[in-house]
All heavy atoms as atom14 arrays in JSON, in Angstrom:
{
  "sequence": "AIGLATNIIDLRDYKPAALKAERNLLVIIATHGLGEPPDGTEDF",
  "atom14_mask": [
    [1, 1, 1, 1, 1, 0, 0, 0, 0, 0, 0, 0, 0, 0],
    [1, 1, 1, 1, 1, 1, 1, 1, 0, 0, 0, 0, 0, 0],
    [1, 1, 1, 1, 0, 0, 0, 0, 0, 0, 0, 0, 0, 0],
    [1, 1, 1, 1, 1, 1, 1, 1, 0, 0, 0, 0, 0, 0],
    [1, 1, 1, 1, 1, 0, 0, 0, 0, 0, 0, 0, 0, 0],
    [1, 1, 1, 1, 1, 1, 1, 0, 0, 0, 0, 0, 0, 0],
    [1, 1, 1, 1, 1, 1, 1, 1, 0, 0, 0, 0, 0, 0],
    [1, 1, 1, 1, 1, 1, 1, 1, 0, 0, 0, 0, 0, 0],
    [1, 1, 1, 1, 1, 1, 1, 1, 0, 0, 0, 0, 0, 0],
    [1, 1, 1, 1, 1, 1, 1, 1, 0, 0, 0, 0, 0, 0],
    [1, 1, 1, 1, 1, 1, 1, 1, 0, 0, 0, 0, 0, 0],
    [1, 1, 1, 1, 1, 1, 1, 1, 1, 1, 1, 0, 0, 0],
    [1, 1, 1, 1, 1, 1, 1, 1, 0, 0, 0, 0, 0, 0],
    [1, 1, 1, 1, 1, 1, 1, 1, 1, 1, 1, 1, 0, 0],
    [1, 1, 1, 1, 1, 1, 1, 1, 1, 0, 0, 0, 0, 0],
    [1, 1, 1, 1, 1, 1, 1, 0, 0, 0, 0, 0, 0, 0],
    [1, 1, 1, 1, 1, 0, 0, 0, 0, 0, 0, 0, 0, 0],
    [1, 1, 1, 1, 1, 0, 0, 0, 0, 0, 0, 0, 0, 0],
    [1, 1, 1, 1, 1, 1, 1, 1, 0, 0, 0, 0, 0, 0],
    [1, 1, 1, 1, 1, 1, 1, 1, 1, 0, 0, 0, 0, 0],
    [1, 1, 1, 1, 1, 0, 0, 0, 0, 0, 0, 0, 0, 0],
    [1, 1, 1, 1, 1, 1, 1, 1, 1, 0, 0, 0, 0, 0],
    [1, 1, 1, 1, 1, 1, 1, 1, 1, 1, 1, 0, 0, 0],
    [1, 1, 1, 1, 1, 1, 1, 1, 0, 0, 0, 0, 0, 0],
    [1, 1, 1, 1, 1, 1, 1, 1, 0, 0, 0, 0, 0, 0],
    [1, 1, 1, 1, 1, 1, 1, 1, 0, 0, 0, 0, 0, 0],
    [1, 1, 1, 1, 1, 1, 1, 0, 0, 0, 0, 0, 0, 0],
    [1, 1, 1, 1, 1, 1, 1, 1, 0, 0, 0, 0, 0, 0],
    [1, 1, 1, 1, 1, 1, 1, 1, 0, 0, 0, 0, 0, 0],
    [1, 1, 1, 1, 1, 0, 0, 0, 0, 0, 0, 0, 0, 0],
    [1, 1, 1, 1, 1, 1, 1, 0, 0, 0, 0, 0, 0, 0],
    [1, 1, 1, 1, 1, 1, 1, 1, 1, 1, 0, 0, 0, 0],
    [1, 1, 1, 1, 0, 0, 0, 0, 0, 0, 0, 0, 0, 0],
    [1, 1, 1, 1, 1, 1, 1, 1, 0, 0, 0, 0, 0, 0],
    [1, 1, 1, 1, 0, 0, 0, 0, 0, 0, 0, 0, 0, 0],
    [1, 1, 1, 1, 1, 1, 1, 1, 1, 0, 0, 0, 0, 0],
    [1, 1, 1, 1, 1, 1, 1, 0, 0, 0, 0, 0, 0, 0],
    [1, 1, 1, 1, 1, 1, 1, 0, 0, 0, 0, 0, 0, 0],
    [1, 1, 1, 1, 1, 1, 1, 1, 0, 0, 0, 0, 0, 0],
    [1, 1, 1, 1, 0, 0, 0, 0, 0, 0, 0, 0, 0, 0],
    [1, 1, 1, 1, 1, 1, 1, 0, 0, 0, 0, 0, 0, 0],
    [1, 1, 1, 1, 1, 1, 1, 1, 1, 0, 0, 0, 0, 0],
    [1, 1, 1, 1, 1, 1, 1, 1, 0, 0, 0, 0, 0, 0],
    [1, 1, 1, 1, 1, 1, 1, 1, 1, 1, 1, 0, 0, 0]
  ],
  "atom14_positions": [
    [[6.95, 27.08, -3.14], [6.82, 28.54, -3.09], [7.95, 29.19, -2.3], [8.26, 30.36, -2.53], [5.47, 28.93, -2.48], [0.0, 0.0, 0.0], [0.0, 0.0, 0.0], [0.0, 0.0, 0.0], [0.0, 0.0, 0.0], [0.0, 0.0, 0.0], [0.0, 0.0, 0.0], [0.0, 0.0, 0.0], [0.0, 0.0, 0.0], [0.0, 0.0, 0.0]],
    [[8.57, 28.44, -1.39], [9.69, 29.02, -0.63], [11.04, 28.44, -1.09], [12.05, 28.58, -0.4], [9.5, 28.84, 0.89], [9.43, 27.37, 1.31], [8.29, 29.61, 1.37], [9.53, 27.14, 2.8], [0.0, 0.0, 0.0], [0.0, 0.0, 0.0], [0.0, 0.0, 0.0], [0.0, 0.0, 0.0], [0.0, 0.0, 0.0], [0.0, 0.0, 0.0]],
    [[11.03, 27.75, -2.23], [12.28, 27.31, -2.83], [12.75, 25.92, -2.46], [13.88, 25.56, -2.78], [0.0, 0.0, 0.0], [0.0, 0.0, 0.0], [0.0, 0.0, 0.0], [0.0, 0.0, 0.0], [0.0, 0.0, 0.0], [0.0, 0.0, 0.0], [0.0, 0.0, 0.0], [0.0, 0.0, 0.0], [0.0, 0.0, 0.0], [0.0, 0.0, 0.0]],
    [[11.9, 25.11, -1.83], [12.29, 23.74, -1.5], [11.81, 22.79, -2.6], [10.68, 22.89, -3.06], [11.68, 23.3, -0.17], [12.18, 24.01, 1.07], [11.38, 23.57, 2.29], [13.66, 23.75, 1.28], [0.0, 0.0, 0.0], [0.0, 0.0, 0.0], [0.0, 0.0, 0.0], [0.0, 0.0, 0.0], [0.0, 0.0, 0.0], [0.0, 0.0, 0.0]],
    [[12.67, 21.87, -2.98], [12.3, 20.88, -3.98], [11.69, 19.66, -3.3], [12.18, 19.22, -2.26], [13.54, 20.46, -4.76], [0.0, 0.0, 0.0], [0.0, 0.0, 0.0], [0.0, 0.0, 0.0], [0.0, 0.0, 0.0], [0.0, 0.0, 0.0], [0.0, 0.0, 0.0], [0.0, 0.0, 0.0], [0.0, 0.0, 0.0], [0.0, 0.0, 0.0]],
    [[10.61, 19.15, -3.87], [9.96, 17.97, -3.31], [9.67, 16.96, -4.41], [9.61, 17.31, -5.6], [8.62, 18.32, -2.62], [7.74, 18.9, -3.57], [8.83, 19.25, -1.44], [0.0, 0.0, 0.0], [0.0, 0.0, 0.0], [0.0, 0.0, 0.0], [0.0, 0.0, 0.0], [0.0, 0.0, 0.0], [0.0, 0.0, 0.0], [0.0, 0.0, 0.0]],
    [[9.48, 15.75, -3.99], [9.1, 14.66, -4.87], [7.99, 13.91, -4.13], [8.24, 13.34, -3.08], [10.31, 13.76, -5.14], [10.0, 12.67, -6.13], [9.09, 12.79, -6.95], [10.74, 11.59, -6.04], [0.0, 0.0, 0.0], [0.0, 0.0, 0.0], [0.0, 0.0, 0.0], [0.0, 0.0, 0.0], [0.0, 0.0, 0.0], [0.0, 0.0, 0.0]],
    [[6.77, 13.93, -4.66], [5.63, 13.28, -4.01], [5.42, 11.91, -4.64], [5.35, 11.79, -5.87], [4.34, 14.09, -4.2], [4.5, 15.51, -3.71], [3.17, 13.4, -3.53], [3.3, 16.37, -4.03], [0.0, 0.0, 0.0], [0.0, 0.0, 0.0], [0.0, 0.0, 0.0], [0.0, 0.0, 0.0], [0.0, 0.0, 0.0], [0.0, 0.0, 0.0]],
    [[5.27, 10.89, -3.78], [5.05, 9.54, -4.28], [4.02, 8.83, -3.41], [4.14, 8.81, -2.18], [6.36, 8.71, -4.28], [7.47, 9.46, -5.03], [6.13, 7.33, -4.89], [8.83, 8.83, -4.89], [0.0, 0.0, 0.0], [0.0, 0.0, 0.0], [0.0, 0.0, 0.0], [0.0, 0.0, 0.0], [0.0, 0.0, 0.0], [0.0, 0.0, 0.0]],
    [[3.04, 8.23, -4.05], [2.06, 7.38, -3.37], [2.79, 6.1, -2.94], [3.54, 5.51, -3.73], [0.92, 7.05, -4.35], [-0.24, 6.32, -3.71], [-0.04, 5.57, -2.73], [-1.36, 6.47, -4.22], [0.0, 0.0, 0.0], [0.0, 0.0, 0.0], [0.0, 0.0, 0.0], [0.0, 0.0, 0.0], [0.0, 0.0, 0.0], [0.0, 0.0, 0.0]],
    [[2.58, 5.69, -1.7], [3.24, 4.46, -1.22], [2.89, 3.25, -2.07], [3.66, 2.29, -2.11], [2.88, 4.2, 0.24], [3.68, 5.0, 1.25], [3.13, 4.81, 2.66], [5.15, 4.62, 1.21], [0.0, 0.0, 0.0], [0.0, 0.0, 0.0], [0.0, 0.0, 0.0], [0.0, 0.0, 0.0], [0.0, 0.0, 0.0], [0.0, 0.0, 0.0]],
    [[1.75, 3.29, -2.74], [1.38, 2.19, -3.64], [2.36, 2.06, -4.8], [2.52, 0.99, -5.37], [-0.03, 2.4, -4.19], [-1.12, 2.28, -3.18], [-2.48, 2.63, -3.82], [-3.55, 2.45, -2.89], [-4.1, 3.42, -2.17], [-3.66, 4.66, -2.28], [-5.09, 3.17, -1.34], [0.0, 0.0, 0.0], [0.0, 0.0, 0.0], [0.0, 0.0, 0.0]],
    [[2.97, 3.18, -5.19], [3.88, 3.22, -6.34], [5.35, 3.25, -5.95], [6.21, 3.21, -6.83], [3.58, 4.46, -7.19], [2.15, 4.5, -7.67], [1.6, 3.42, -7.97], [1.57, 5.6, -7.74], [0.0, 0.0, 0.0], [0.0, 0.0, 0.0], [0.0, 0.0, 0.0], [0.0, 0.0, 0.0], [0.0, 0.0, 0.0], [0.0, 0.0, 0.0]],
    [[5.64, 3.35, -4.68], [7.01, 3.52, -4.21], [7.72, 2.17, -4.13], [7.17, 1.19, -3.64], [7.0, 4.18, -2.83], [8.34, 4.61, -2.33], [9.02, 5.67, -2.92], [8.94, 3.97, -1.25], [10.26, 6.09, -2.44], [10.17, 4.38, -0.76], [10.82, 5.44, -1.37], [12.05, 5.85, -0.9], [0.0, 0.0, 0.0], [0.0, 0.0, 0.0]],
    [[8.94, 2.13, -4.61], [9.78, 0.94, -4.49], [10.49, 1.01, -3.15], [11.38, 1.84, -2.95], [10.82, 0.87, -5.62], [10.21, 0.92, -7.01], [9.36, -0.29, -7.27], [8.8, -0.24, -8.68], [7.47, -0.77, -8.78], [0.0, 0.0, 0.0], [0.0, 0.0, 0.0], [0.0, 0.0, 0.0], [0.0, 0.0, 0.0], [0.0, 0.0, 0.0]],
    [[10.09, 0.18, -2.18], [10.6, 0.31, -0.8], [12.12, 0.3, -0.67], [12.67, 0.99, 0.18], [9.99, -0.89, -0.08], [8.8, -1.26, -0.88], [9.13, -0.9, -2.31], [0.0, 0.0, 0.0], [0.0, 0.0, 0.0], [0.0, 0.0, 0.0], [0.0, 0.0, 0.0], [0.0, 0.0, 0.0], [0.0, 0.0, 0.0], [0.0, 0.0, 0.0]],
    [[12.81, -0.43, -1.53], [14.27, -0.47, -1.45], [14.89, 0.9, -1.71], [16.03, 1.16, -1.34], [14.84, -1.51, -2.41], [0.0, 0.0, 0.0], [0.0, 0.0, 0.0], [0.0, 0.0, 0.0], [0.0, 0.0, 0.0], [0.0, 0.0, 0.0], [0.0, 0.0, 0.0], [0.0, 0.0, 0.0], [0.0, 0.0, 0.0], [0.0, 0.0, 0.0]],
    [[14.13, 1.82, -2.32], [14.63, 3.17, -2.58], [14.81, 3.97, -1.3], [15.49, 5.0, -1.3], [13.67, 3.9, -3.53], [0.0, 0.0, 0.0], [0.0, 0.0, 0.0], [0.0, 0.0, 0.0], [0.0, 0.0, 0.0], [0.0, 0.0, 0.0], [0.0, 0.0, 0.0], [0.0, 0.0, 0.0], [0.0, 0.0, 0.0], [0.0, 0.0, 0.0]],
    [[14.24, 3.49, -0.19], [14.41, 4.2, 1.09], [15.87, 4.4, 1.46], [16.24, 5.42, 2.03], [13.72, 3.43, 2.22], [12.27, 3.74, 2.51], [11.73, 2.8, 3.58], [12.09, 5.17, 2.92], [0.0, 0.0, 0.0], [0.0, 0.0, 0.0], [0.0, 0.0, 0.0], [0.0, 0.0, 0.0], [0.0, 0.0, 0.0], [0.0, 0.0, 0.0]],
    [[16.71, 3.42, 1.14], [18.11, 3.52, 1.52], [18.83, 4.68, 0.85], [19.84, 5.16, 1.34], [18.84, 2.2, 1.26], [18.91, 1.81, -0.18], [19.52, 0.43, -0.36], [19.33, -0.02, -1.78], [19.35, -1.43, -1.93], [0.0, 0.0, 0.0], [0.0, 0.0, 0.0], [0.0, 0.0, 0.0], [0.0, 0.0, 0.0], [0.0, 0.0, 0.0]],
    [[18.29, 5.17, -0.28], [18.9, 6.31, -0.97], [18.31, 7.65, -0.55], [18.87, 8.7, -0.87], [18.74, 6.14, -2.48], [0.0, 0.0, 0.0], [0.0, 0.0, 0.0], [0.0, 0.0, 0.0], [0.0, 0.0, 0.0], [0.0, 0.0, 0.0], [0.0, 0.0, 0.0], [0.0, 0.0, 0.0], [0.0, 0.0, 0.0], [0.0, 0.0, 0.0]],
    [[17.21, 7.64, 0.17], [16.57, 8.88, 0.59], [17.41, 9.56, 1.68], [18.02, 8.9, 2.49], [15.16, 8.63, 1.14], [14.21, 7.98, 0.18], [13.75, 8.88, -0.96], [14.1, 10.07, -0.98], [13.05, 8.36, -1.84], [0.0, 0.0, 0.0], [0.0, 0.0, 0.0], [0.0, 0.0, 0.0], [0.0, 0.0, 0.0], [0.0, 0.0, 0.0]],
    [[17.39, 10.89, 1.68], [18.09, 11.64, 2.73], [17.12, 12.49, 3.55], [17.35, 12.73, 4.72], [19.18, 12.52, 2.13], [20.33, 11.74, 1.53], [21.03, 10.91, 2.6], [21.91, 9.92, 2.02], [21.65, 8.61, 1.96], [20.54, 8.12, 2.43], [22.51, 7.78, 1.43], [0.0, 0.0, 0.0], [0.0, 0.0, 0.0], [0.0, 0.0, 0.0]],
    [[16.05, 12.97, 2.92], [15.06, 13.81, 3.58], [13.67, 13.28, 3.22], [13.31, 13.26, 2.05], [15.19, 15.27, 3.13], [16.55, 15.83, 3.47], [16.93, 15.89, 4.64], [17.31, 16.22, 2.46], [0.0, 0.0, 0.0], [0.0, 0.0, 0.0], [0.0, 0.0, 0.0], [0.0, 0.0, 0.0], [0.0, 0.0, 0.0], [0.0, 0.0, 0.0]],
    [[12.94, 12.85, 4.24], [11.69, 12.15, 3.99], [10.59, 12.64, 4.91], [10.8, 12.78, 6.12], [11.9, 10.64, 4.22], [10.68, 9.73, 4.06], [10.27, 9.64, 2.6], [11.01, 8.34, 4.6], [0.0, 0.0, 0.0], [0.0, 0.0, 0.0], [0.0, 0.0, 0.0], [0.0, 0.0, 0.0], [0.0, 0.0, 0.0], [0.0, 0.0, 0.0]],
    [[9.43, 12.89, 4.33], [8.23, 13.15, 5.1], [7.22, 12.08, 4.72], [6.96, 11.87, 3.53], [7.65, 14.53, 4.79], [6.3, 14.84, 5.43], [6.39, 14.82, 6.97], [5.76, 16.17, 4.96], [0.0, 0.0, 0.0], [0.0, 0.0, 0.0], [0.0, 0.0, 0.0], [0.0, 0.0, 0.0], [0.0, 0.0, 0.0], [0.0, 0.0, 0.0]],
    [[6.69, 11.38, 5.71], [5.67, 10.37, 5.48], [4.35, 10.91, 6.01], [4.26, 11.27, 7.19], [6.01, 9.03, 6.17], [4.92, 8.0, 5.9], [7.37, 8.52, 5.7], [0.0, 0.0, 0.0], [0.0, 0.0, 0.0], [0.0, 0.0, 0.0], [0.0, 0.0, 0.0], [0.0, 0.0, 0.0], [0.0, 0.0, 0.0], [0.0, 0.0, 0.0]],
    [[3.36, 10.97, 5.13], [2.0, 11.37, 5.52], [1.15, 10.14, 5.3], [0.98, 9.69, 4.16], [1.48, 12.55, 4.67], [2.42, 13.75, 4.79], [0.06, 12.91, 5.08], [2.07, 14.9, 3.87], [0.0, 0.0, 0.0], [0.0, 0.0, 0.0], [0.0, 0.0, 0.0], [0.0, 0.0, 0.0], [0.0, 0.0, 0.0], [0.0, 0.0, 0.0]],
    [[0.65, 9.57, 6.4], [-0.04, 8.29, 6.26], [-1.27, 8.2, 7.16], [-1.24, 8.62, 8.3], [0.93, 7.11, 6.51], [0.28, 5.81, 6.1], [1.44, 7.09, 7.93], [1.28, 4.73, 5.73], [0.0, 0.0, 0.0], [0.0, 0.0, 0.0], [0.0, 0.0, 0.0], [0.0, 0.0, 0.0], [0.0, 0.0, 0.0], [0.0, 0.0, 0.0]],
    [[-2.31, 7.62, 6.58], [-3.57, 7.44, 7.28], [-3.65, 6.04, 7.88], [-3.05, 5.1, 7.36], [-4.74, 7.66, 6.32], [0.0, 0.0, 0.0], [0.0, 0.0, 0.0], [0.0, 0.0, 0.0], [0.0, 0.0, 0.0], [0.0, 0.0, 0.0], [0.0, 0.0, 0.0], [0.0, 0.0, 0.0], [0.0, 0.0, 0.0], [0.0, 0.0, 0.0]],
    [[-4.38, 5.94, 8.96], [-4.74, 4.66, 9.54], [-6.22, 4.46, 9.2], [-7.01, 5.38, 9.32], [-4.57, 4.67, 11.07], [-3.18, 4.9, 11.35], [-5.02, 3.37, 11.69], [0.0, 0.0, 0.0], [0.0, 0.0, 0.0], [0.0, 0.0, 0.0], [0.0, 0.0, 0.0], [0.0, 0.0, 0.0], [0.0, 0.0, 0.0], [0.0, 0.0, 0.0]],
    [[-6.57, 3.26, 8.77], [-7.99, 3.03, 8.49], [-8.42, 1.73, 9.15], [-7.61, 0.97, 9.68], [-8.26, 3.02, 6.97], [-7.91, 1.76, 6.28], [-8.85, 0.82, 5.95], [-6.73, 1.26, 5.86], [-8.25, -0.21, 5.35], [-6.98, 0.05, 5.28], [0.0, 0.0, 0.0], [0.0, 0.0, 0.0], [0.0, 0.0, 0.0], [0.0, 0.0, 0.0]],
    [[-9.71, 1.51, 9.13], [-10.24, 0.3, 9.76], [-9.88, 0.26, 11.23], [-9.99, 1.24, 11.95], [0.0, 0.0, 0.0], [0.0, 0.0, 0.0], [0.0, 0.0, 0.0], [0.0, 0.0, 0.0], [0.0, 0.0, 0.0], [0.0, 0.0, 0.0], [0.0, 0.0, 0.0], [0.0, 0.0, 0.0], [0.0, 0.0, 0.0], [0.0, 0.0, 0.0]],
    [[-9.4, -0.89, 11.66], [-9.02, -1.07, 13.06], [-7.51, -1.05, 13.21], [-6.89, -1.97, 13.75], [-9.62, -2.37, 13.6], [-11.15, -2.42, 13.6], [-11.65, -3.78, 14.03], [-11.71, -1.32, 14.5], [0.0, 0.0, 0.0], [0.0, 0.0, 0.0], [0.0, 0.0, 0.0], [0.0, 0.0, 0.0], [0.0, 0.0, 0.0], [0.0, 0.0, 0.0]],
    [[-6.9, 0.01, 12.7], [-5.46, 0.2, 12.86], [-4.63, -0.27, 11.69], [-3.42, -0.41, 11.81], [0.0, 0.0, 0.0], [0.0, 0.0, 0.0], [0.0, 0.0, 0.0], [0.0, 0.0, 0.0], [0.0, 0.0, 0.0], [0.0, 0.0, 0.0], [0.0, 0.0, 0.0], [0.0, 0.0, 0.0], [0.0, 0.0, 0.0], [0.0, 0.0, 0.0]],
    [[-5.25, -0.5, 10.53], [-4.51, -1.01, 9.37], [-3.94, 0.12, 8.51], [-4.5, 1.21, 8.45], [-5.42, -1.86, 8.49], [-5.88, -3.15, 9.11], [-7.24, -2.99, 9.77], [-8.04, -2.13, 9.34], [-7.5, -3.71, 10.73], [0.0, 0.0, 0.0], [0.0, 0.0, 0.0], [0.0, 0.0, 0.0], [0.0, 0.0, 0.0], [0.0, 0.0, 0.0]],
    [[-2.85, -0.21, 7.81], [-2.32, 0.74, 6.82], [-3.27, 0.8, 5.62], [-4.09, -0.09, 5.42], [-0.98, 0.12, 6.4], [-0.74, -1.04, 7.28], [-2.0, -1.39, 7.97], [0.0, 0.0, 0.0], [0.0, 0.0, 0.0], [0.0, 0.0, 0.0], [0.0, 0.0, 0.0], [0.0, 0.0, 0.0], [0.0, 0.0, 0.0], [0.0, 0.0, 0.0]],
    [[-3.14, 1.83, 4.8], [-3.98, 1.94, 3.61], [-3.75, 0.76, 2.65], [-2.64, 0.21, 2.57], [-3.51, 3.25, 2.96], [-2.9, 4.03, 4.07], [-2.28, 3.0, 4.97], [0.0, 0.0, 0.0], [0.0, 0.0, 0.0], [0.0, 0.0, 0.0], [0.0, 0.0, 0.0], [0.0, 0.0, 0.0], [0.0, 0.0, 0.0], [0.0, 0.0, 0.0]],
    [[-4.79, 0.4, 1.93], [-4.68, -0.66, 0.93], [-3.6, -0.32, -0.08], [-3.43, 0.84, -0.46], [-6.01, -0.86, 0.19], [-7.08, -1.49, 1.07], [-6.71, -2.17, 2.05], [-8.27, -1.3, 0.76], [0.0, 0.0, 0.0], [0.0, 0.0, 0.0], [0.0, 0.0, 0.0], [0.0, 0.0, 0.0], [0.0, 0.0, 0.0], [0.0, 0.0, 0.0]],
    [[-2.88, -1.32, -0.53], [-1.85, -1.13, -1.54], [-0.48, -0.8, -0.98], [0.48, -0.66, -1.75], [0.0, 0.0, 0.0], [0.0, 0.0, 0.0], [0.0, 0.0, 0.0], [0.0, 0.0, 0.0], [0.0, 0.0, 0.0], [0.0, 0.0, 0.0], [0.0, 0.0, 0.0], [0.0, 0.0, 0.0], [0.0, 0.0, 0.0], [0.0, 0.0, 0.0]],
    [[-0.35, -0.66, 0.33], [0.94, -0.3, 0.92], [1.64, -1.51, 1.55], [2.62, -1.36, 2.26], [0.77, 0.8, 1.99], [-0.07, 0.32, 3.04], [0.15, 2.06, 1.38], [0.0, 0.0, 0.0], [0.0, 0.0, 0.0], [0.0, 0.0, 0.0], [0.0, 0.0, 0.0], [0.0, 0.0, 0.0], [0.0, 0.0, 0.0], [0.0, 0.0, 0.0]],
    [[1.14, -2.7, 1.24], [1.68, -3.92, 1.86], [3.17, -4.11, 1.57], [3.93, -4.5, 2.47], [0.9, -5.16, 1.38], [-0.54, -5.18, 1.81], [-1.48, -4.37, 0.9], [-1.03, -3.82, -0.13], [-2.67, -4.3, 1.24], [0.0, 0.0, 0.0], [0.0, 0.0, 0.0], [0.0, 0.0, 0.0], [0.0, 0.0, 0.0], [0.0, 0.0, 0.0]],
    [[3.61, -3.85, 0.34], [5.04, -4.02, 0.01], [5.92, -3.11, 0.85], [6.97, -3.52, 1.34], [5.29, -3.74, -1.48], [4.74, -4.83, -2.39], [4.4, -5.92, -1.88], [4.64, -4.58, -3.6], [0.0, 0.0, 0.0], [0.0, 0.0, 0.0], [0.0, 0.0, 0.0], [0.0, 0.0, 0.0], [0.0, 0.0, 0.0], [0.0, 0.0, 0.0]],
    [[5.49, -1.86, 1.01], [6.25, -0.91, 1.82], [6.38, -1.41, 3.25], [7.47, -1.43, 3.82], [5.59, 0.46, 1.78], [6.25, 1.47, 2.67], [7.41, 2.11, 2.27], [5.72, 1.79, 3.92], [8.04, 3.05, 3.11], [6.33, 2.71, 4.75], [7.49, 3.35, 4.34], [0.0, 0.0, 0.0], [0.0, 0.0, 0.0], [0.0, 0.0, 0.0]]
  ]
}
């Protein structure tokens, strides 16, 4: 709405090696259980 372009990706679907090409990144991430990352984010 204010003219910024974004690309939203679920960490389950993200190819971690693509991080090296990123320039602007926002990570929104939950902790569950006893301090574990969300299921499906193991590769990341």
